[in-house]
């Protein structure tokens, strides 16, 4: 399978906005995505470490969709059903996961004994890459040819038909102040945040990293924002700029209100139109082509 020229990473803020077939057609680029409803910084760190790096893929550009303070809210969506998903994409030893979650007073993740045993992930580190590949293939459609299964694996994180997931992911987003139940004081401490580790992985991959900010309801409607949230965004973007990572903002004013479905999600009927807006916004920033 060819390396993607562009890799998209995110949660429902990604897959309810982008029609990937349309994006491939209008861009003429090889594009893949990793997206899961409720995914946040811990998930995106594991995507880069255990799927992209381990697979040997080298995307020329990586675009991470984010909203509010999710990039520096390490404990967000790491327990319950979300923690179960993260267990499936972690390796045997995850020191960064352990350290960052411990700093937020949460237990580290751990693969279930059944999965570890079946895929022999415990055996030795060099087995891990092929074990993850086998695990990923095994959850795709077994009756498909190998190439089709690989293509299906690329798209398996998209769960567009789970409407309850869309509503669930909007819970707590009524205002930026309550979106994470965490402080809005920006911190780039690698002991307490996955963001520095995401940046390090992207540097190792030599990928052009772009953070694409999706606007929440208050930002779209130009309501007054809490001072601490505004200050947080300034600090975040200054930090990313210092790390040679580009931040682009969704042009909320150019999105008709009728395009939205639940909360901040774009209706399926308008995703092709949104995808064209997105490509026009981002294409000038793609300066390197593999």
C-alpha atoms as a PDB file:
ATOM      1  CA  UNK A   1       0.000   0.000   0.000  1.00  0.00           C
ATOM      2  CA  UNK A   2       1.338   3.424  -0.925  1.00  0.00           C
ATOM      3  CA  UNK A   3       2.247   5.905   1.777  1.00  0.00           C
ATOM      4  CA  UNK A   4      -0.338   8.640   2.159  1.00  0.00           C
ATOM      5  CA  UNK A   5       0.816  12.057   1.095  1.00  0.00           C
ATOM      6  CA  UNK A   6      -1.648  13.543   3.563  1.00  0.00           C
ATOM      7  CA  UNK A   7      -2.715  11.942   6.838  1.00  0.00           C
ATOM      8  CA  UNK A   8      -5.747  13.295   8.698  1.00  0.00           C
ATOM      9  CA  UNK A   9      -6.155  12.594  12.420  1.00  0.00           C
ATOM     10  CA  UNK A  10      -9.090  13.494  14.636  1.00  0.00           C
ATOM     11  CA  UNK A  11     -12.439  12.535  16.076  1.00  0.00           C
ATOM     12  CA  UNK A  12     -15.971  13.345  14.886  1.00  0.00           C
ATOM     13  CA  UNK A  13     -14.798  16.909  14.235  1.00  0.00           C
ATOM     14  CA  UNK A  14     -12.921  15.299  11.337  1.00  0.00           C
ATOM     15  CA  UNK A  15     -15.141  12.564   9.964  1.00  0.00           C
ATOM     16  CA  UNK A  16     -18.341  14.607  10.099  1.00  0.00           C
ATOM     17  CA  UNK A  17     -16.629  17.352   8.096  1.00  0.00           C
ATOM     18  CA  UNK A  18     -14.542  15.664   5.456  1.00  0.00           C
ATOM     19  CA  UNK A  19     -15.704  13.513   2.556  1.00  0.00           C
ATOM     20  CA  UNK A  20     -12.436  11.685   2.004  1.00  0.00           C
ATOM     21  CA  UNK A  21     -13.285  10.530  -1.526  1.00  0.00           C
ATOM     22  CA  UNK A  22     -14.047  14.106  -2.534  1.00  0.00           C
ATOM     23  CA  UNK A  23     -10.835  15.317  -0.906  1.00  0.00           C
ATOM     24  CA  UNK A  24      -8.780  12.733  -2.767  1.00  0.00           C
ATOM     25  CA  UNK A  25     -10.398  13.733  -6.059  1.00  0.00           C
ATOM     26  CA  UNK A  26     -10.051  17.503  -5.769  1.00  0.00           C
ATOM     27  CA  UNK A  27      -6.535  17.369  -4.316  1.00  0.00           C
ATOM     28  CA  UNK A  28      -5.101  14.642  -6.507  1.00  0.00           C
ATOM     29  CA  UNK A  29      -3.292  13.391  -3.389  1.00  0.00           C
ATOM     30  CA  UNK A  30      -3.023  10.045  -1.644  1.00  0.00           C
ATOM     31  CA  UNK A  31      -4.956  10.644   1.572  1.00  0.00           C
ATOM     32  CA  UNK A  32      -5.632   8.434   4.580  1.00  0.00           C
ATOM     33  CA  UNK A  33      -7.235   9.136   7.927  1.00  0.00           C
ATOM     34  CA  UNK A  34      -7.278   7.814  11.461  1.00  0.00           C
ATOM     35  CA  UNK A  35     -10.442   8.908  13.208  1.00  0.00           C
ATOM     36  CA  UNK A  36     -12.515   7.657  16.124  1.00  0.00           C
ATOM     37  CA  UNK A  37     -15.490   9.213  17.848  1.00  0.00           C
ATOM     38  CA  UNK A  38     -14.363  10.600  21.191  1.00  0.00           C
ATOM     39  CA  UNK A  39     -10.680  10.344  20.323  1.00  0.00           C
ATOM     40  CA  UNK A  40      -8.429  12.917  22.006  1.00  0.00           C
ATOM     41  CA  UNK A  41      -4.749  13.576  22.636  1.00  0.00           C
ATOM     42  CA  UNK A  42      -3.926  10.157  24.142  1.00  0.00           C
ATOM     43  CA  UNK A  43      -5.523   8.471  21.136  1.00  0.00           C
ATOM     44  CA  UNK A  44      -3.709  10.687  18.640  1.00  0.00           C
ATOM     45  CA  UNK A  45      -0.375  10.073  20.355  1.00  0.00           C
ATOM     46  CA  UNK A  46      -0.929   6.309  20.072  1.00  0.00           C
ATOM     47  CA  UNK A  47      -1.968   6.636  16.423  1.00  0.00           C
ATOM     48  CA  UNK A  48       1.338   8.296  15.583  1.00  0.00           C
ATOM     49  CA  UNK A  49       3.459   6.009  17.752  1.00  0.00           C
ATOM     50  CA  UNK A  50       1.888   2.601  17.245  1.00  0.00           C
ATOM     51  CA  UNK A  51       0.189   2.769  13.873  1.00  0.00           C
ATOM     52  CA  UNK A  52       1.997   5.313  11.690  1.00  0.00           C
ATOM     53  CA  UNK A  53       5.546   4.926  13.038  1.00  0.00           C
ATOM     54  CA  UNK A  54       5.319   1.147  13.403  1.00  0.00           C
ATOM     55  CA  UNK A  55       3.830   0.718   9.933  1.00  0.00           C
ATOM     56  CA  UNK A  56       6.723   2.563   8.317  1.00  0.00           C
ATOM     57  CA  UNK A  57       4.370   5.048   6.659  1.00  0.00           C
ATOM     58  CA  UNK A  58       5.865   8.501   6.102  1.00  0.00           C
ATOM     59  CA  UNK A  59       3.115  10.989   5.288  1.00  0.00           C
ATOM     60  CA  UNK A  60       4.398  14.240   3.846  1.00  0.00           C
ATOM     61  CA  UNK A  61       1.716  16.140   5.758  1.00  0.00           C
ATOM     62  CA  UNK A  62      -0.235  15.331   8.896  1.00  0.00           C
ATOM     63  CA  UNK A  63      -3.313  17.369   9.837  1.00  0.00           C
ATOM     64  CA  UNK A  64      -4.733  17.035  13.352  1.00  0.00           C
ATOM     65  CA  UNK A  65      -8.269  18.349  13.853  1.00  0.00           C
ATOM     66  CA  UNK A  66      -8.860  19.746  17.335  1.00  0.00           C
ATOM     67  CA  UNK A  67     -11.420  21.775  19.236  1.00  0.00           C
ATOM     68  CA  UNK A  68     -11.239  23.754  22.485  1.00  0.00           C
ATOM     69  CA  UNK A  69      -8.501  22.591  24.916  1.00  0.00           C
ATOM     70  CA  UNK A  70      -8.411  18.963  23.798  1.00  0.00           C
ATOM     71  CA  UNK A  71      -4.728  19.055  22.757  1.00  0.00           C
ATOM     72  CA  UNK A  72      -3.642  19.638  26.346  1.00  0.00           C
ATOM     73  CA  UNK A  73      -6.369  17.739  28.198  1.00  0.00           C
ATOM     74  CA  UNK A  74      -4.527  14.410  28.557  1.00  0.00           C
ATOM     75  CA  UNK A  75      -7.065  12.687  30.773  1.00  0.00           C
ATOM     76  CA  UNK A  76      -9.959  13.460  28.445  1.00  0.00           C
ATOM     77  CA  UNK A  77     -11.632  10.328  27.032  1.00  0.00           C
ATOM     78  CA  UNK A  78      -9.155   7.803  28.481  1.00  0.00           C
ATOM     79  CA  UNK A  79     -11.538   5.814  30.692  1.00  0.00           C
ATOM     80  CA  UNK A  80     -14.542   3.565  30.179  1.00  0.00           C
ATOM     81  CA  UNK A  81     -15.374   2.714  26.561  1.00  0.00           C
ATOM     82  CA  UNK A  82     -12.708   5.147  25.366  1.00  0.00           C
ATOM     83  CA  UNK A  83     -10.051   3.484  27.513  1.00  0.00           C
ATOM     84  CA  UNK A  84     -11.074   0.106  26.089  1.00  0.00           C
ATOM     85  CA  UNK A  85     -10.427   1.425  22.584  1.00  0.00           C
ATOM     86  CA  UNK A  86      -7.041   2.849  23.598  1.00  0.00           C
ATOM     87  CA  UNK A  87      -6.032  -0.532  24.991  1.00  0.00           C
ATOM     88  CA  UNK A  88      -6.364  -1.993  21.513  1.00  0.00           C
ATOM     89  CA  UNK A  89      -3.825   0.385  19.996  1.00  0.00           C
ATOM     90  CA  UNK A  90      -1.216   0.466  22.736  1.00  0.00           C
ATOM     91  CA  UNK A  91       1.936  -1.625  22.926  1.00  0.00           C
ATOM     92  CA  UNK A  92       3.099  -3.732  25.857  1.00  0.00           C
ATOM     93  CA  UNK A  93       5.080  -0.910  27.406  1.00  0.00           C
ATOM     94  CA  UNK A  94       3.793   2.657  27.251  1.00  0.00           C
ATOM     95  CA  UNK A  95       5.939   4.801  29.592  1.00  0.00           C
ATOM     96  CA  UNK A  96       4.576   8.089  28.239  1.00  0.00           C
ATOM     97  CA  UNK A  97       0.986   6.949  28.713  1.00  0.00           C
ATOM     98  CA  UNK A  98       1.765   5.808  32.253  1.00  0.00           C
ATOM     99  CA  UNK A  99       3.551   9.009  33.204  1.00  0.00           C
ATOM    100  CA  UNK A 100       1.057  11.447  31.731  1.00  0.00           C
ATOM    101  CA  UNK A 101      -2.010   9.663  33.063  1.00  0.00           C
ATOM    102  CA  UNK A 102      -0.409   9.196  36.471  1.00  0.00           C
ATOM    103  CA  UNK A 103       0.208  12.934  36.615  1.00  0.00           C
ATOM    104  CA  UNK A 104      -3.521  13.380  36.070  1.00  0.00           C
ATOM    105  CA  UNK A 105      -4.339  10.852  38.780  1.00  0.00           C
ATOM    106  CA  UNK A 106      -5.606   8.192  36.391  1.00  0.00           C
ATOM    107  CA  UNK A 107      -4.432   4.566  36.044  1.00  0.00           C
ATOM    108  CA  UNK A 108      -2.323   3.649  33.031  1.00  0.00           C
ATOM    109  CA  UNK A 109      -3.919   1.681  30.227  1.00  0.00           C
ATOM    110  CA  UNK A 110      -3.212  -1.988  29.742  1.00  0.00           C
ATOM    111  CA  UNK A 111      -3.986  -4.461  26.985  1.00  0.00           C
ATOM    112  CA  UNK A 112      -6.353  -7.206  28.040  1.00  0.00           C
ATOM    113  CA  UNK A 113      -4.662 -10.505  28.816  1.00  0.00           C
ATOM    114  CA  UNK A 114      -6.718 -12.201  26.092  1.00  0.00           C
ATOM    115  CA  UNK A 115      -5.480  -9.866  23.352  1.00  0.00           C
ATOM    116  CA  UNK A 116      -1.884  -9.959  24.636  1.00  0.00           C
ATOM    117  CA  UNK A 117      -1.898 -13.747  24.635  1.00  0.00           C
ATOM    118  CA  UNK A 118      -3.617 -14.276  21.304  1.00  0.00           C
ATOM    119  CA  UNK A 119      -1.395 -11.838  19.385  1.00  0.00           C
ATOM    120  CA  UNK A 120       1.782 -12.660  21.368  1.00  0.00           C
ATOM    121  CA  UNK A 121       2.361  -8.983  22.076  1.00  0.00           C
ATOM    122  CA  UNK A 122       4.046  -9.958  25.341  1.00  0.00           C
ATOM    123  CA  UNK A 123       6.674 -12.088  23.618  1.00  0.00           C
ATOM    124  CA  UNK A 124       9.217  -9.470  22.541  1.00  0.00           C
ATOM    125  CA  UNK A 125       9.247  -5.873  21.255  1.00  0.00           C
ATOM    126  CA  UNK A 126      10.131  -6.744  17.669  1.00  0.00           C
ATOM    127  CA  UNK A 127       6.941  -8.781  17.379  1.00  0.00           C
ATOM    128  CA  UNK A 128       4.793  -5.753  18.178  1.00  0.00           C
ATOM    129  CA  UNK A 129       4.678  -4.186  14.713  1.00  0.00           C
ATOM    130  CA  UNK A 130       3.398  -7.322  13.013  1.00  0.00           C
ATOM    131  CA  UNK A 131       1.082  -8.043  15.953  1.00  0.00           C
ATOM    132  CA  UNK A 132      -0.656  -4.674  15.631  1.00  0.00           C
ATOM    133  CA  UNK A 133      -0.923  -5.171  11.878  1.00  0.00           C
ATOM    134  CA  UNK A 134      -2.501  -8.607  12.416  1.00  0.00           C
ATOM    135  CA  UNK A 135      -4.891  -7.202  15.022  1.00  0.00           C
ATOM    136  CA  UNK A 136      -5.962  -4.394  12.694  1.00  0.00           C
ATOM    137  CA  UNK A 137      -6.518  -6.747   9.764  1.00  0.00           C
ATOM    138  CA  UNK A 138      -8.465  -9.181  11.901  1.00  0.00           C
ATOM    139  CA  UNK A 139     -11.124  -6.624  12.727  1.00  0.00           C
ATOM    140  CA  UNK A 140     -11.770  -5.823   9.068  1.00  0.00           C
ATOM    141  CA  UNK A 141     -14.033  -7.831   6.778  1.00  0.00           C
ATOM    142  CA  UNK A 142     -12.478 -11.278   6.591  1.00  0.00           C
ATOM    143  CA  UNK A 143     -14.189 -12.173   3.297  1.00  0.00           C
ATOM    144  CA  UNK A 144     -12.393  -9.397   1.396  1.00  0.00           C
ATOM    145  CA  UNK A 145      -9.168  -9.871  -0.594  1.00  0.00           C
ATOM    146  CA  UNK A 146      -6.004  -8.773   1.224  1.00  0.00           C
ATOM    147  CA  UNK A 147      -5.714  -5.405  -0.554  1.00  0.00           C
ATOM    148  CA  UNK A 148      -9.388  -4.637   0.035  1.00  0.00           C
ATOM    149  CA  UNK A 149      -8.967  -5.561   3.695  1.00  0.00           C
ATOM    150  CA  UNK A 150      -6.071  -3.128   3.981  1.00  0.00           C
ATOM    151  CA  UNK A 151      -8.168  -0.402   2.402  1.00  0.00           C
ATOM    152  CA  UNK A 152     -11.010  -1.257   4.753  1.00  0.00           C
ATOM    153  CA  UNK A 153      -8.580  -1.103   7.682  1.00  0.00           C
ATOM    154  CA  UNK A 154      -7.692   2.463   6.705  1.00  0.00           C
ATOM    155  CA  UNK A 155     -11.326   3.439   6.947  1.00  0.00           C
ATOM    156  CA  UNK A 156     -12.350   1.357   9.975  1.00  0.00           C
ATOM    157  CA  UNK A 157     -12.119   4.266  12.392  1.00  0.00           C
ATOM    158  CA  UNK A 158     -14.903   6.136  10.659  1.00  0.00           C
ATOM    159  CA  UNK A 159     -18.211   5.414  12.396  1.00  0.00           C
ATOM    160  CA  UNK A 160     -20.427   7.905  10.640  1.00  0.00           C
ATOM    161  CA  UNK A 161     -23.600   5.893  11.216  1.00  0.00           C
ATOM    162  CA  UNK A 162     -23.397   5.969  15.021  1.00  0.00           C
ATOM    163  CA  UNK A 163     -25.596   8.962  15.680  1.00  0.00           C
ATOM    164  CA  UNK A 164     -25.493   8.425  19.458  1.00  0.00           C
ATOM    165  CA  UNK A 165     -21.733   8.888  19.278  1.00  0.00           C
ATOM    166  CA  UNK A 166     -22.206  12.305  17.725  1.00  0.00           C
ATOM    167  CA  UNK A 167     -24.468  13.466  20.503  1.00  0.00           C
ATOM    168  CA  UNK A 168     -22.230  11.940  23.157  1.00  0.00           C
ATOM    169  CA  UNK A 169     -19.168  13.720  21.869  1.00  0.00           C
ATOM    170  CA  UNK A 170     -20.912  17.064  22.199  1.00  0.00           C
ATOM    171  CA  UNK A 171     -21.649  16.605  25.901  1.00  0.00           C
ATOM    172  CA  UNK A 172     -19.905  19.297  27.915  1.00  0.00           C
ATOM    173  CA  UNK A 173     -19.250  21.600  24.981  1.00  0.00           C
ATOM    174  CA  UNK A 174     -21.819  24.243  25.777  1.00  0.00           C
ATOM    175  CA  UNK A 175     -19.050  26.676  26.678  1.00  0.00           C
ATOM    176  CA  UNK A 176     -15.268  26.503  26.420  1.00  0.00           C
ATOM    177  CA  UNK A 177     -15.065  27.004  30.180  1.00  0.00           C
ATOM    178  CA  UNK A 178     -16.753  23.680  30.904  1.00  0.00           C
ATOM    179  CA  UNK A 179     -15.584  21.694  27.912  1.00  0.00           C
ATOM    180  CA  UNK A 180     -12.869  19.730  29.659  1.00  0.00           C
ATOM    181  CA  UNK A 181     -13.406  20.202  33.397  1.00  0.00           C
ATOM    182  CA  UNK A 182      -9.730  21.138  33.466  1.00  0.00           C
ATOM    183  CA  UNK A 183      -7.753  24.337  33.839  1.00  0.00           C
ATOM    184  CA  UNK A 184      -7.313  26.599  30.839  1.00  0.00           C
ATOM    185  CA  UNK A 185      -3.766  27.405  31.881  1.00  0.00           C
ATOM    186  CA  UNK A 186      -1.633  26.236  28.968  1.00  0.00           C
ATOM    187  CA  UNK A 187       1.179  23.818  29.791  1.00  0.00           C
ATOM    188  CA  UNK A 188       3.662  22.060  27.527  1.00  0.00           C
ATOM    189  CA  UNK A 189       5.159  19.943  30.305  1.00  0.00           C
ATOM    190  CA  UNK A 190       5.942  16.527  28.748  1.00  0.00           C
ATOM    191  CA  UNK A 191       5.225  14.870  32.089  1.00  0.00           C
ATOM    192  CA  UNK A 192       1.637  16.091  32.074  1.00  0.00           C
ATOM    193  CA  UNK A 193       0.668  16.475  28.403  1.00  0.00           C
ATOM    194  CA  UNK A 194       0.714  14.337  25.270  1.00  0.00           C
ATOM    195  CA  UNK A 195       1.204  17.359  23.008  1.00  0.00           C
ATOM    196  CA  UNK A 196       5.032  17.549  23.271  1.00  0.00           C
ATOM    197  CA  UNK A 197       5.207  13.831  22.510  1.00  0.00           C
ATOM    198  CA  UNK A 198       2.944  14.226  19.481  1.00  0.00           C
ATOM    199  CA  UNK A 199       5.278  16.933  18.219  1.00  0.00           C
ATOM    200  CA  UNK A 200       8.349  14.756  18.808  1.00  0.00           C
ATOM    201  CA  UNK A 201       6.826  11.850  16.915  1.00  0.00           C
ATOM    202  CA  UNK A 202       5.933  14.112  13.991  1.00  0.00           C
ATOM    203  CA  UNK A 203       9.502  15.419  13.903  1.00  0.00           C
ATOM    204  CA  UNK A 204      10.829  11.868  13.806  1.00  0.00           C
ATOM    205  CA  UNK A 205       8.444  11.108  10.949  1.00  0.00           C
ATOM    206  CA  UNK A 206       9.616  14.242   9.139  1.00  0.00           C
ATOM    207  CA  UNK A 207       6.005  15.108   8.432  1.00  0.00           C
ATOM    208  CA  UNK A 208       4.731  18.643   7.956  1.00  0.00           C
ATOM    209  CA  UNK A 209       2.459  18.953  10.988  1.00  0.00           C
ATOM    210  CA  UNK A 210      -0.639  21.149  10.824  1.00  0.00           C
ATOM    211  CA  UNK A 211      -3.162  21.666  13.614  1.00  0.00           C
ATOM    212  CA  UNK A 212      -6.591  22.556  12.259  1.00  0.00           C
ATOM    213  CA  UNK A 213      -8.787  24.297  14.836  1.00  0.00           C
ATOM    214  CA  UNK A 214     -12.484  23.554  14.586  1.00  0.00           C
ATOM    215  CA  UNK A 215     -14.578  26.347  16.088  1.00  0.00           C
ATOM    216  CA  UNK A 216     -17.085  25.638  18.846  1.00  0.00           C
ATOM    217  CA  UNK A 217     -20.577  27.108  18.977  1.00  0.00           C
ATOM    218  CA  UNK A 218     -19.608  30.253  20.887  1.00  0.00           C
ATOM    219  CA  UNK A 219     -16.709  30.974  18.545  1.00  0.00           C
ATOM    220  CA  UNK A 220     -18.860  30.440  15.467  1.00  0.00           C
ATOM    221  CA  UNK A 221     -21.531  32.806  16.730  1.00  0.00           C
ATOM    222  CA  UNK A 222     -18.918  35.330  17.859  1.00  0.00           C
ATOM    223  CA  UNK A 223     -20.123  35.353  21.443  1.00  0.00           C
ATOM    224  CA  UNK A 224     -17.773  36.751  24.123  1.00  0.00           C
ATOM    225  CA  UNK A 225     -15.304  34.085  25.207  1.00  0.00           C
ATOM    226  CA  UNK A 226     -13.915  33.563  28.720  1.00  0.00           C
ATOM    227  CA  UNK A 227     -10.668  35.481  29.190  1.00  0.00           C
ATOM    228  CA  UNK A 228      -8.783  32.404  30.350  1.00  0.00           C
ATOM    229  CA  UNK A 229      -9.834  30.472  27.244  1.00  0.00           C
ATOM    230  CA  UNK A 230      -8.748  33.295  24.940  1.00  0.00           C
ATOM    231  CA  UNK A 231      -5.405  33.475  26.739  1.00  0.00           C
ATOM    232  CA  UNK A 232      -5.049  29.710  26.493  1.00  0.00           C
ATOM    233  CA  UNK A 233      -5.474  29.759  22.716  1.00  0.00           C
ATOM    234  CA  UNK A 234      -2.851  32.489  22.355  1.00  0.00           C
ATOM    235  CA  UNK A 235      -0.364  30.507  24.449  1.00  0.00           C
ATOM    236  CA  UNK A 236      -1.138  27.293  22.568  1.00  0.00           C
ATOM    237  CA  UNK A 237      -0.629  28.830  19.147  1.00  0.00           C
ATOM    238  CA  UNK A 238       2.550  30.630  20.196  1.00  0.00           C
ATOM    239  CA  UNK A 239       3.928  27.338  21.481  1.00  0.00           C
ATOM    240  CA  UNK A 240       3.040  25.450  18.300  1.00  0.00           C
ATOM    241  CA  UNK A 241       4.592  28.177  16.174  1.00  0.00           C
ATOM    242  CA  UNK A 242       7.802  27.949  18.219  1.00  0.00           C
ATOM    243  CA  UNK A 243       7.793  24.200  17.509  1.00  0.00           C
ATOM    244  CA  UNK A 244       7.463  24.825  13.747  1.00  0.00           C
ATOM    245  CA  UNK A 245       3.926  23.455  13.702  1.00  0.00           C
ATOM    246  CA  UNK A 246       1.353  25.422  11.773  1.00  0.00           C
ATOM    247  CA  UNK A 247      -2.086  26.227  13.190  1.00  0.00           C
ATOM    248  CA  UNK A 248      -4.975  26.954  10.840  1.00  0.00           C
ATOM    249  CA  UNK A 249      -8.425  28.062  11.976  1.00  0.00           C
ATOM    250  CA  UNK A 250     -11.712  26.998  10.515  1.00  0.00           C
ATOM    251  CA  UNK A 251     -13.370  30.014   8.888  1.00  0.00           C
ATOM    252  CA  UNK A 252     -16.593  29.737  10.817  1.00  0.00           C
ATOM    253  CA  UNK A 253     -18.135  32.752   9.123  1.00  0.00           C
ATOM    254  CA  UNK A 254     -17.995  30.972   5.781  1.00  0.00           C
ATOM    255  CA  UNK A 255     -20.038  28.005   6.988  1.00  0.00           C
ATOM    256  CA  UNK A 256     -23.811  28.479   6.665  1.00  0.00           C
ATOM    257  CA  UNK A 257     -25.671  27.506   9.862  1.00  0.00           C
ATOM    258  CA  UNK A 258     -27.807  25.135   7.794  1.00  0.00           C
ATOM    259  CA  UNK A 259     -24.732  22.944   7.215  1.00  0.00           C
ATOM    260  CA  UNK A 260     -24.604  21.859  10.844  1.00  0.00           C
ATOM    261  CA  UNK A 261     -26.249  18.770  12.304  1.00  0.00           C
ATOM    262  CA  UNK A 262     -25.828  18.000  16.028  1.00  0.00           C
ATOM    263  CA  UNK A 263     -23.712  20.511  17.893  1.00  0.00           C
ATOM    264  CA  UNK A 264     -20.527  21.298  15.999  1.00  0.00           C
ATOM    265  CA  UNK A 265     -20.898  18.467  13.475  1.00  0.00           C
ATOM    266  CA  UNK A 266     -21.458  19.075   9.766  1.00  0.00           C
ATOM    267  CA  UNK A 267     -24.471  17.388   8.203  1.00  0.00           C
ATOM    268  CA  UNK A 268     -23.717  14.545   5.818  1.00  0.00           C
ATOM    269  CA  UNK A 269     -25.553  16.443   3.076  1.00  0.00           C
ATOM    270  CA  UNK A 270     -23.015  19.284   3.232  1.00  0.00           C
ATOM    271  CA  UNK A 271     -19.706  17.472   3.743  1.00  0.00           C
ATOM    272  CA  UNK A 272     -18.657  17.684   0.117  1.00  0.00           C
ATOM    273  CA  UNK A 273     -19.146  21.453   0.234  1.00  0.00           C
ATOM    274  CA  UNK A 274     -17.245  21.683   3.509  1.00  0.00           C
ATOM    275  CA  UNK A 275     -14.463  19.495   2.108  1.00  0.00           C
ATOM    276  CA  UNK A 276     -13.971  21.971  -0.740  1.00  0.00           C
ATOM    277  CA  UNK A 277     -13.765  24.854   1.757  1.00  0.00           C
ATOM    278  CA  UNK A 278     -11.248  22.882   3.803  1.00  0.00           C
ATOM    279  CA  UNK A 279      -9.045  22.127   0.799  1.00  0.00           C
ATOM    280  CA  UNK A 280      -9.039  25.746  -0.315  1.00  0.00           C
ATOM    281  CA  UNK A 281      -8.047  26.720   3.214  1.00  0.00           C
ATOM    282  CA  UNK A 282      -5.218  24.245   3.625  1.00  0.00           C
ATOM    283  CA  UNK A 283      -3.726  23.618   0.187  1.00  0.00           C
ATOM    284  CA  UNK A 284      -1.432  26.661   0.282  1.00  0.00           C
ATOM    285  CA  UNK A 285       0.229  25.277   3.422  1.00  0.00           C
ATOM    286  CA  UNK A 286       1.246  22.015   1.793  1.00  0.00           C
ATOM    287  CA  UNK A 287       4.671  23.088   0.625  1.00  0.00           C
ATOM    288  CA  UNK A 288       6.357  19.685   0.505  1.00  0.00           C
ATOM    289  CA  UNK A 289       5.330  16.775  -1.680  1.00  0.00           C
ATOM    290  CA  UNK A 290       6.767  13.269  -1.460  1.00  0.00           C
END
